Every structure is written in C-alpha cells, then in structure tokens.
PDB file of N, CA and C in Angstrom:
ATOM      1  N   PRO A   1       0.822  -1.199   0.000  1.00  0.00           N
ATOM      2  CA  PRO A   1       0.000   0.000   0.000  1.00  0.00           C
ATOM      3  C   PRO A   1       0.859   1.253   0.000  1.00  0.00           C
ATOM      4  N   VAL A   2       0.346   2.268  -0.630  1.00  0.00           N
ATOM      5  CA  VAL A   2       1.032   3.556  -0.666  1.00  0.00           C
ATOM      6  C   VAL A   2       0.339   4.489   0.306  1.00  0.00           C
ATOM      7  N   VAL A   3       1.096   5.046   1.235  1.00  0.00           N
ATOM      8  CA  VAL A   3       0.546   6.005   2.186  1.00  0.00           C
ATOM      9  C   VAL A   3       1.131   7.364   1.848  1.00  0.00           C
ATOM     10  N   ASN A   4       0.274   8.337   1.650  1.00  0.00           N
ATOM     11  CA  ASN A   4       0.748   9.686   1.383  1.00  0.00           C
ATOM     12  C   ASN A   4       1.471  10.196   2.616  1.00  0.00           C
ATOM     13  N   THR A   5       2.357  11.140   2.415  1.00  0.00           N
ATOM     14  CA  THR A   5       3.174  11.615   3.530  1.00  0.00           C
ATOM     15  C   THR A   5       2.539  12.761   4.291  1.00  0.00           C
ATOM     16  N   GLN A   6       1.398  13.261   3.837  1.00  0.00           N
ATOM     17  CA  GLN A   6       0.800  14.380   4.565  1.00  0.00           C
ATOM     18  C   GLN A   6      -0.012  13.903   5.752  1.00  0.00           C
ATOM     19  N   GLN A   7      -0.102  14.764   6.701  1.00  0.00           N
ATOM     20  CA  GLN A   7      -0.923  14.535   7.882  1.00  0.00           C
ATOM     21  C   GLN A   7      -2.156  15.417   7.743  1.00  0.00           C
ATOM     22  N   ILE A   8      -3.292  14.930   8.153  1.00  0.00           N
ATOM     23  CA  ILE A   8      -4.506  15.733   8.086  1.00  0.00           C
ATOM     24  C   ILE A   8      -4.580  16.552   9.366  1.00  0.00           C
ATOM     25  N   GLY A   9      -4.386  17.852   9.255  1.00  0.00           N
ATOM     26  CA  GLY A   9      -4.382  18.730  10.416  1.00  0.00           C
ATOM     27  C   GLY A   9      -3.031  18.737  11.104  1.00  0.00           C
ATOM     28  N   TRP A  10      -2.946  19.455  12.212  1.00  0.00           N
ATOM     29  CA  TRP A  10      -1.692  19.515  12.956  1.00  0.00           C
ATOM     30  C   TRP A  10      -1.939  19.941  14.389  1.00  0.00           C
ATOM     31  N   TYR A  11      -0.862  19.888  15.171  1.00  0.00           N
ATOM     32  CA  TYR A  11      -0.904  20.251  16.583  1.00  0.00           C
ATOM     33  C   TYR A  11      -0.154  21.559  16.810  1.00  0.00           C
ATOM     34  N   SER A  12      -0.510  22.249  17.881  1.00  0.00           N
ATOM     35  CA  SER A  12       0.228  23.453  18.281  1.00  0.00           C
ATOM     36  C   SER A  12       1.487  23.025  19.023  1.00  0.00           C
ATOM     37  N   ARG A  13       2.372  23.972  19.279  1.00  0.00           N
ATOM     38  CA  ARG A  13       3.594  23.663  20.033  1.00  0.00           C
ATOM     39  C   ARG A  13       3.259  23.159  21.431  1.00  0.00           C
ATOM     40  N   ALA A  14       2.114  23.554  21.962  1.00  0.00           N
ATOM     41  CA  ALA A  14       1.697  23.120  23.296  1.00  0.00           C
ATOM     42  C   ALA A  14       1.082  21.722  23.286  1.00  0.00           C
ATOM     43  N   GLY A  15       0.875  21.155  22.099  1.00  0.00           N
ATOM     44  CA  GLY A  15       0.333  19.808  21.995  1.00  0.00           C
ATOM     45  C   GLY A  15      -1.168  19.720  21.798  1.00  0.00           C
ATOM     46  N   ALA A  16      -1.822  20.863  21.617  1.00  0.00           N
ATOM     47  CA  ALA A  16      -3.265  20.870  21.377  1.00  0.00           C
ATOM     48  C   ALA A  16      -3.540  20.772  19.878  1.00  0.00           C
ATOM     49  N   VAL A  17      -4.675  20.182  19.521  1.00  0.00           N
ATOM     50  CA  VAL A  17      -5.075  20.135  18.115  1.00  0.00           C
ATOM     51  C   VAL A  17      -5.406  21.550  17.660  1.00  0.00           C
ATOM     52  N   VAL A  18      -4.856  21.950  16.516  1.00  0.00           N
ATOM     53  CA  VAL A  18      -5.206  23.243  15.926  1.00  0.00           C
ATOM     54  C   VAL A  18      -6.528  23.022  15.206  1.00  0.00           C
ATOM     55  N   THR A  19      -7.599  23.490  15.802  1.00  0.00           N
ATOM     56  CA  THR A  19      -8.938  23.154  15.308  1.00  0.00           C
ATOM     57  C   THR A  19      -9.238  23.716  13.928  1.00  0.00           C
ATOM     58  N   GLY A  20      -8.541  24.760  13.513  1.00  0.00           N
ATOM     59  CA  GLY A  20      -8.750  25.313  12.177  1.00  0.00           C
ATOM     60  C   GLY A  20      -7.869  24.675  11.121  1.00  0.00           C
ATOM     61  N   SER A  21      -7.100  23.653  11.478  1.00  0.00           N
ATOM     62  CA  SER A  21      -6.148  23.050  10.544  1.00  0.00           C
ATOM     63  C   SER A  21      -6.801  22.112   9.545  1.00  0.00           C
ATOM     64  N   SER A  22      -8.011  21.708   9.807  1.00  0.00           N
ATOM     65  CA  SER A  22      -8.713  20.763   8.947  1.00  0.00           C
ATOM     66  C   SER A  22     -10.201  20.845   9.267  1.00  0.00           C
ATOM     67  N   PRO A  23     -11.069  20.562   8.294  1.00  0.00           N
ATOM     68  CA  PRO A  23     -12.504  20.534   8.612  1.00  0.00           C
ATOM     69  C   PRO A  23     -12.819  19.523   9.724  1.00  0.00           C
ATOM     70  N   ALA A  24     -12.003  18.503   9.861  1.00  0.00           N
ATOM     71  CA  ALA A  24     -12.246  17.475  10.874  1.00  0.00           C
ATOM     72  C   ALA A  24     -11.661  17.848  12.238  1.00  0.00           C
ATOM     73  N   GLY A  25     -10.953  18.957  12.324  1.00  0.00           N
ATOM     74  CA  GLY A  25     -10.263  19.317  13.552  1.00  0.00           C
ATOM     75  C   GLY A  25     -11.150  19.748  14.702  1.00  0.00           C
ATOM     76  N   ASN A  26     -12.379  20.154  14.420  1.00  0.00           N
ATOM     77  CA  ASN A  26     -13.220  20.682  15.486  1.00  0.00           C
ATOM     78  C   ASN A  26     -14.674  20.243  15.340  1.00  0.00           C
ATOM     79  N   ASN A  27     -14.907  19.139  14.640  1.00  0.00           N
ATOM     80  CA  ASN A  27     -16.276  18.730  14.381  1.00  0.00           C
ATOM     81  C   ASN A  27     -16.322  17.215  14.236  1.00  0.00           C
ATOM     82  N   VAL A  28     -16.992  16.551  15.141  1.00  0.00           N
ATOM     83  CA  VAL A  28     -17.036  15.085  15.133  1.00  0.00           C
ATOM     84  C   VAL A  28     -17.669  14.553  13.849  1.00  0.00           C
ATOM     85  N   ASN A  29     -18.734  15.185  13.382  1.00  0.00           N
ATOM     86  CA  ASN A  29     -19.372  14.726  12.134  1.00  0.00           C
ATOM     87  C   ASN A  29     -18.393  14.780  10.977  1.00  0.00           C
ATOM     88  N   GLN A  30     -17.669  15.879  10.848  1.00  0.00           N
ATOM     89  CA  GLN A  30     -16.725  16.003   9.742  1.00  0.00           C
ATOM     90  C   GLN A  30     -15.531  15.070   9.915  1.00  0.00           C
ATOM     91  N   LEU A  31     -15.170  14.763  11.150  1.00  0.00           N
ATOM     92  CA  LEU A  31     -14.131  13.762  11.390  1.00  0.00           C
ATOM     93  C   LEU A  31     -14.583  12.409  10.846  1.00  0.00           C
ATOM     94  N   VAL A  32     -15.832  12.044  11.110  1.00  0.00           N
ATOM     95  CA  VAL A  32     -16.375  10.787  10.594  1.00  0.00           C
ATOM     96  C   VAL A  32     -16.425  10.816   9.068  1.00  0.00           C
ATOM     97  N   HIS A  33     -16.826  11.926   8.482  1.00  0.00           N
ATOM     98  CA  HIS A  33     -16.891  12.037   7.024  1.00  0.00           C
ATOM     99  C   HIS A  33     -15.501  11.934   6.411  1.00  0.00           C
ATOM    100  N   THR A  34     -14.498  12.527   7.068  1.00  0.00           N
ATOM    101  CA  THR A  34     -13.115  12.435   6.590  1.00  0.00           C
ATOM    102  C   THR A  34     -12.618  10.990   6.699  1.00  0.00           C
ATOM    103  N   PHE A  35     -12.969  10.324   7.793  1.00  0.00           N
ATOM    104  CA  PHE A  35     -12.610   8.907   7.948  1.00  0.00           C
ATOM    105  C   PHE A  35     -13.241   8.081   6.835  1.00  0.00           C
ATOM    106  N   LEU A  36     -14.530   8.300   6.578  1.00  0.00           N
ATOM    107  CA  LEU A  36     -15.224   7.575   5.518  1.00  0.00           C
ATOM    108  C   LEU A  36     -14.557   7.820   4.168  1.00  0.00           C
ATOM    109  N   MET A  37     -14.192   9.073   3.895  1.00  0.00           N
ATOM    110  CA  MET A  37     -13.527   9.410   2.638  1.00  0.00           C
ATOM    111  C   MET A  37     -12.216   8.627   2.504  1.00  0.00           C
ATOM    112  N   ASN A  38     -11.427   8.569   3.570  1.00  0.00           N
ATOM    113  CA  ASN A  38     -10.155   7.859   3.515  1.00  0.00           C
ATOM    114  C   ASN A  38     -10.351   6.346   3.426  1.00  0.00           C
ATOM    115  N   TYR A  39     -11.364   5.822   4.075  1.00  0.00           N
ATOM    116  CA  TYR A  39     -11.682   4.400   3.954  1.00  0.00           C
ATOM    117  C   TYR A  39     -12.041   4.061   2.507  1.00  0.00           C
ATOM    118  N   MET A  40     -12.886   4.900   1.913  1.00  0.00           N
ATOM    119  CA  MET A  40     -13.287   4.660   0.524  1.00  0.00           C
ATOM    120  C   MET A  40     -12.093   4.814  -0.423  1.00  0.00           C
ATOM    121  N   SER A  41     -11.188   5.731  -0.123  1.00  0.00           N
ATOM    122  CA  SER A  41      -9.995   5.898  -0.933  1.00  0.00           C
ATOM    123  C   SER A  41      -9.088   4.669  -0.818  1.00  0.00           C
ATOM    124  N   ALA A  42      -8.871   4.197   0.404  1.00  0.00           N
ATOM    125  CA  ALA A  42      -8.039   3.007   0.617  1.00  0.00           C
ATOM    126  C   ALA A  42      -8.648   1.777  -0.045  1.00  0.00           C
ATOM    127  N   SER A  43      -9.966   1.737  -0.149  1.00  0.00           N
ATOM    128  CA  SER A  43     -10.670   0.621  -0.785  1.00  0.00           C
ATOM    129  C   SER A  43     -10.695   0.740  -2.305  1.00  0.00           C
ATOM    130  N   GLY A  44     -10.223   1.867  -2.831  1.00  0.00           N
ATOM    131  CA  GLY A  44     -10.209   2.067  -4.273  1.00  0.00           C
ATOM    132  C   GLY A  44     -11.536   2.516  -4.846  1.00  0.00           C
ATOM    133  N   LEU A  45     -12.470   2.923  -3.996  1.00  0.00           N
ATOM    134  CA  LEU A  45     -13.795   3.325  -4.459  1.00  0.00           C
ATOM    135  C   LEU A  45     -13.848   4.766  -4.944  1.00  0.00           C
ATOM    136  N   ILE A  46     -12.937   5.611  -4.445  1.00  0.00           N
ATOM    137  CA  ILE A  46     -12.890   7.014  -4.856  1.00  0.00           C
ATOM    138  C   ILE A  46     -11.433   7.436  -5.018  1.00  0.00           C
ATOM    139  N   ALA A  47     -11.238   8.574  -5.664  1.00  0.00           N
ATOM    140  CA  ALA A  47      -9.922   9.183  -5.836  1.00  0.00           C
ATOM    141  C   ALA A  47     -10.141  10.692  -5.868  1.00  0.00           C
ATOM    142  N   PRO A  48      -9.082  11.486  -5.668  1.00  0.00           N
ATOM    143  CA  PRO A  48      -9.266  12.939  -5.676  1.00  0.00           C
ATOM    144  C   PRO A  48      -9.959  13.458  -6.937  1.00  0.00           C
ATOM    145  N   ASP A  49      -9.766  12.781  -8.057  1.00  0.00           N
ATOM    146  CA  ASP A  49     -10.403  13.227  -9.297  1.00  0.00           C
ATOM    147  C   ASP A  49     -11.709  12.485  -9.588  1.00  0.00           C
ATOM    148  N   ASN A  50     -12.174  11.667  -8.644  1.00  0.00           N
ATOM    149  CA  ASN A  50     -13.404  10.910  -8.832  1.00  0.00           C
ATOM    150  C   ASN A  50     -14.084  10.702  -7.478  1.00  0.00           C
ATOM    151  N   MET A  51     -14.830  11.698  -7.036  1.00  0.00           N
ATOM    152  CA  MET A  51     -15.462  11.673  -5.718  1.00  0.00           C
ATOM    153  C   MET A  51     -16.931  11.256  -5.786  1.00  0.00           C
ATOM    154  N   GLY A  52     -17.383  10.803  -6.945  1.00  0.00           N
ATOM    155  CA  GLY A  52     -18.798  10.518  -7.167  1.00  0.00           C
ATOM    156  C   GLY A  52     -19.443   9.594  -6.152  1.00  0.00           C
ATOM    157  N   ALA A  53     -18.805   8.474  -5.832  1.00  0.00           N
ATOM    158  CA  ALA A  53     -19.401   7.510  -4.897  1.00  0.00           C
ATOM    159  C   ALA A  53     -19.529   8.116  -3.503  1.00  0.00           C
ATOM    160  N   PHE A  54     -18.541   8.896  -3.083  1.00  0.00           N
ATOM    161  CA  PHE A  54     -18.589   9.538  -1.770  1.00  0.00           C
ATOM    162  C   PHE A  54     -19.729  10.550  -1.725  1.00  0.00           C
ATOM    163  N   LEU A  55     -19.813  11.395  -2.736  1.00  0.00           N
ATOM    164  CA  LEU A  55     -20.857  12.422  -2.772  1.00  0.00           C
ATOM    165  C   LEU A  55     -22.243  11.817  -2.868  1.00  0.00           C
ATOM    166  N   GLN A  56     -22.357  10.674  -3.541  1.00  0.00           N
ATOM    167  CA  GLN A  56     -23.657  10.025  -3.704  1.00  0.00           C
ATOM    168  C   GLN A  56     -24.237   9.575  -2.364  1.00  0.00           C
ATOM    169  N   ILE A  57     -23.378   9.152  -1.448  1.00  0.00           N
ATOM    170  CA  ILE A  57     -23.843   8.735  -0.114  1.00  0.00           C
ATOM    171  C   ILE A  57     -24.622   9.876   0.547  1.00  0.00           C
ATOM    172  N   PHE A  58     -24.060  11.076   0.485  1.00  0.00           N
ATOM    173  CA  PHE A  58     -24.687  12.215   1.147  1.00  0.00           C
ATOM    174  C   PHE A  58     -25.926  12.687   0.398  1.00  0.00           C
ATOM    175  N   THR A  59     -25.903  12.572  -0.926  1.00  0.00           N
ATOM    176  CA  THR A  59     -27.084  12.894  -1.722  1.00  0.00           C
ATOM    177  C   THR A  59     -28.219  11.943  -1.356  1.00  0.00           C
ATOM    178  N   ASP A  60     -27.903  10.642  -1.273  1.00  0.00           N
ATOM    179  CA  ASP A  60     -28.924   9.641  -0.940  1.00  0.00           C
ATOM    180  C   ASP A  60     -29.506   9.867   0.452  1.00  0.00           C
ATOM    181  N   LEU A  61     -28.665  10.300   1.404  1.00  0.00           N
ATOM    182  CA  LEU A  61     -29.128  10.532   2.771  1.00  0.00           C
ATOM    183  C   LEU A  61     -29.764  11.905   2.953  1.00  0.00           C
ATOM    184  N   GLY A  62     -29.572  12.785   1.972  1.00  0.00           N
ATOM    185  CA  GLY A  62     -30.125  14.127   2.054  1.00  0.00           C
ATOM    186  C   GLY A  62     -29.419  15.007   3.074  1.00  0.00           C
ATOM    187  N   ILE A  63     -28.119  14.770   3.281  1.00  0.00           N
ATOM    188  CA  ILE A  63     -27.349  15.581   4.232  1.00  0.00           C
ATOM    189  C   ILE A  63     -26.126  16.176   3.547  1.00  0.00           C
ATOM    190  N   ASN A  64     -25.553  17.185   4.175  1.00  0.00           N
ATOM    191  CA  ASN A  64     -24.356  17.850   3.665  1.00  0.00           C
ATOM    192  C   ASN A  64     -23.137  17.239   4.331  1.00  0.00           C
ATOM    193  N   HIS A  65     -22.087  16.953   3.556  1.00  0.00           N
ATOM    194  CA  HIS A  65     -20.866  16.384   4.131  1.00  0.00           C
ATOM    195  C   HIS A  65     -20.064  17.425   4.906  1.00  0.00           C
ATOM    196  N   GLY A  66     -20.207  18.705   4.598  1.00  0.00           N
ATOM    197  CA  GLY A  66     -19.548  19.762   5.349  1.00  0.00           C
ATOM    198  C   GLY A  66     -18.052  19.861   5.159  1.00  0.00           C
ATOM    199  N   LEU A  67     -17.499  19.160   4.190  1.00  0.00           N
ATOM    200  CA  LEU A  67     -16.045  19.143   4.020  1.00  0.00           C
ATOM    201  C   LEU A  67     -15.532  20.183   3.030  1.00  0.00           C
ATOM    202  N   GLY A  68     -16.403  20.981   2.467  1.00  0.00           N
ATOM    203  CA  GLY A  68     -15.948  22.008   1.531  1.00  0.00           C
ATOM    204  C   GLY A  68     -16.098  21.572   0.085  1.00  0.00           C
ATOM    205  N   ASP A  69     -15.331  22.212  -0.788  1.00  0.00           N
ATOM    206  CA  ASP A  69     -15.438  22.016  -2.234  1.00  0.00           C
ATOM    207  C   ASP A  69     -14.711  20.747  -2.672  1.00  0.00           C
ATOM    208  N   LEU A  70     -15.439  19.647  -2.766  1.00  0.00           N
ATOM    209  CA  LEU A  70     -14.819  18.387  -3.161  1.00  0.00           C
ATOM    210  C   LEU A  70     -14.701  18.233  -4.673  1.00  0.00           C
ATOM    211  N   THR A  71     -15.020  19.296  -5.422  1.00  0.00           N
ATOM    212  CA  THR A  71     -14.735  19.286  -6.857  1.00  0.00           C
ATOM    213  C   THR A  71     -13.332  19.812  -7.118  1.00  0.00           C
ATOM    214  N   ASN A  72     -12.687  20.375  -6.105  1.00  0.00           N
ATOM    215  CA  ASN A  72     -11.326  20.895  -6.213  1.00  0.00           C
ATOM    216  C   ASN A  72     -10.351  19.776  -5.840  1.00  0.00           C
ATOM    217  N   GLU A  73      -9.719  19.188  -6.850  1.00  0.00           N
ATOM    218  CA  GLU A  73      -8.860  18.023  -6.642  1.00  0.00           C
ATOM    219  C   GLU A  73      -7.693  18.313  -5.684  1.00  0.00           C
ATOM    220  N   ALA A  74      -7.090  19.486  -5.786  1.00  0.00           N
ATOM    221  CA  ALA A  74      -5.976  19.838  -4.896  1.00  0.00           C
ATOM    222  C   ALA A  74      -6.447  19.902  -3.446  1.00  0.00           C
ATOM    223  N   TYR A  75      -7.635  20.448  -3.216  1.00  0.00           N
ATOM    224  CA  TYR A  75      -8.190  20.517  -1.861  1.00  0.00           C
ATOM    225  C   TYR A  75      -8.483  19.118  -1.327  1.00  0.00           C
ATOM    226  N   VAL A  76      -9.079  18.269  -2.163  1.00  0.00           N
ATOM    227  CA  VAL A  76      -9.406  16.902  -1.736  1.00  0.00           C
ATOM    228  C   VAL A  76      -8.140  16.170  -1.299  1.00  0.00           C
ATOM    229  N   GLN A  77      -7.038  16.412  -1.992  1.00  0.00           N
ATOM    230  CA  GLN A  77      -5.788  15.742  -1.638  1.00  0.00           C
ATOM    231  C   GLN A  77      -5.291  16.141  -0.251  1.00  0.00           C
ATOM    232  N   THR A  78      -5.707  17.301   0.251  1.00  0.00           N
ATOM    233  CA  THR A  78      -5.310  17.694   1.608  1.00  0.00           C
ATOM    234  C   THR A  78      -6.099  16.927   2.665  1.00  0.00           C
ATOM    235  N   LEU A  79      -7.235  16.364   2.298  1.00  0.00           N
ATOM    236  CA  LEU A  79      -8.072  15.602   3.226  1.00  0.00           C
ATOM    237  C   LEU A  79      -7.856  14.098   3.120  1.00  0.00           C
ATOM    238  N   MET A  80      -7.323  13.659   1.983  1.00  0.00           N
ATOM    239  CA  MET A  80      -7.199  12.238   1.696  1.00  0.00           C
ATOM    240  C   MET A  80      -5.755  11.796   1.957  1.00  0.00           C
ATOM    241  N   ALA A  81      -5.556  11.046   3.028  1.00  0.00           N
ATOM    242  CA  ALA A  81      -4.210  10.608   3.395  1.00  0.00           C
ATOM    243  C   ALA A  81      -3.899   9.202   2.900  1.00  0.00           C
ATOM    244  N   LEU A  82      -4.897   8.473   2.443  1.00  0.00           N
ATOM    245  CA  LEU A  82      -4.678   7.091   2.037  1.00  0.00           C
ATOM    246  C   LEU A  82      -4.914   6.902   0.546  1.00  0.00           C
ATOM    247  N   SER A  83      -4.015   6.171  -0.066  1.00  0.00           N
ATOM    248  CA  SER A  83      -4.160   5.767  -1.459  1.00  0.00           C
ATOM    249  C   SER A  83      -4.741   4.356  -1.473  1.00  0.00           C
ATOM    250  N   PRO A  84      -5.238   3.908  -2.625  1.00  0.00           N
ATOM    251  CA  PRO A  84      -5.825   2.565  -2.680  1.00  0.00           C
ATOM    252  C   PRO A  84      -4.829   1.484  -2.269  1.00  0.00           C
ATOM    253  N   ILE A  85      -5.285   0.538  -1.434  1.00  0.00           N
ATOM    254  CA  ILE A  85      -4.456  -0.593  -1.044  1.00  0.00           C
ATOM    255  C   ILE A  85      -4.821  -1.842  -1.852  1.00  0.00           C
ATOM    256  N   ALA A  86      -5.884  -1.726  -2.627  1.00  0.00           N
ATOM    257  CA  ALA A  86      -6.336  -2.822  -3.484  1.00  0.00           C
ATOM    258  C   ALA A  86      -6.960  -2.200  -4.723  1.00  0.00           C
ATOM    259  N   PRO A  87      -6.991  -2.956  -5.830  1.00  0.00           N
ATOM    260  CA  PRO A  87      -7.661  -2.408  -7.014  1.00  0.00           C
ATOM    261  C   PRO A  87      -9.145  -2.192  -6.732  1.00  0.00           C
ATOM    262  N   PRO A  88      -9.746  -1.224  -7.439  1.00  0.00           N
ATOM    263  CA  PRO A  88     -11.176  -0.989  -7.221  1.00  0.00           C
ATOM    264  C   PRO A  88     -11.996  -2.225  -7.580  1.00  0.00           C
ATOM    265  N   PRO A  89     -13.123  -2.418  -6.917  1.00  0.00           N
ATOM    266  CA  PRO A  89     -13.971  -3.565  -7.250  1.00  0.00           C
ATOM    267  C   PRO A  89     -14.548  -3.410  -8.641  1.00  0.00           C
ATOM    268  N   PRO A  90     -14.860  -4.501  -9.291  1.00  0.00           N
ATOM    269  CA  PRO A  90     -15.476  -4.397 -10.619  1.00  0.00           C
ATOM    270  C   PRO A  90     -16.850  -3.757 -10.524  1.00  0.00           C
ATOM    271  N   PRO A  91     -17.268  -3.076 -11.618  1.00  0.00           N
ATOM    272  CA  PRO A  91     -18.591  -2.408 -11.594  1.00  0.00           C
ATOM    273  C   PRO A  91     -19.735  -3.374 -11.515  1.00  0.00           C
TER     274      PRO A  91
END
C-alpha cells in the first residue's frame, strides 16, 4: 500500500489540536466524514479526481458532508491521506 506523507491537520507547540487546521479538527461529524472518505480511498472506491461515490452517499441521505469544495482536486488531496491498497472492485 502507498501512504501519502501528509498529515490531516496539525498540533500546536503546546500539543493541542489546531482546530482550524482541517474541517475534521473541530467537528465530530466532519471527522467521521473524513474517515469515511479515507476508507473509501483506501478501498479504491474514490480518488481525488473521482469523488462521485462519496458524494452520492450524502445525496442519498439528504445531508451535507460539510467538508468544503470536493470538486477541487488539490483541496481533496489535503483531506485524503490514504491511497488505494487494493484495485477498485469491478462495476
């Protein structure tokens, strides 16, 4: 498996989470959504340039993911720390 070298968010010198460092830094719901995004990425279901399956979950549930502009591939890469560990499942 390939693990990206970036960390999602960061800590202050005092050891506290910098809550503005990531959408998941100060919101449990967005932390779960970020976890789900990385799980789906590790499973090969989504990629920074193909977020359709992730977005469809929230469309189907009628809720907002709250993670910002997921059409911006560079931004998505700041939230996605895991690359696929297996090939995507067949359609």
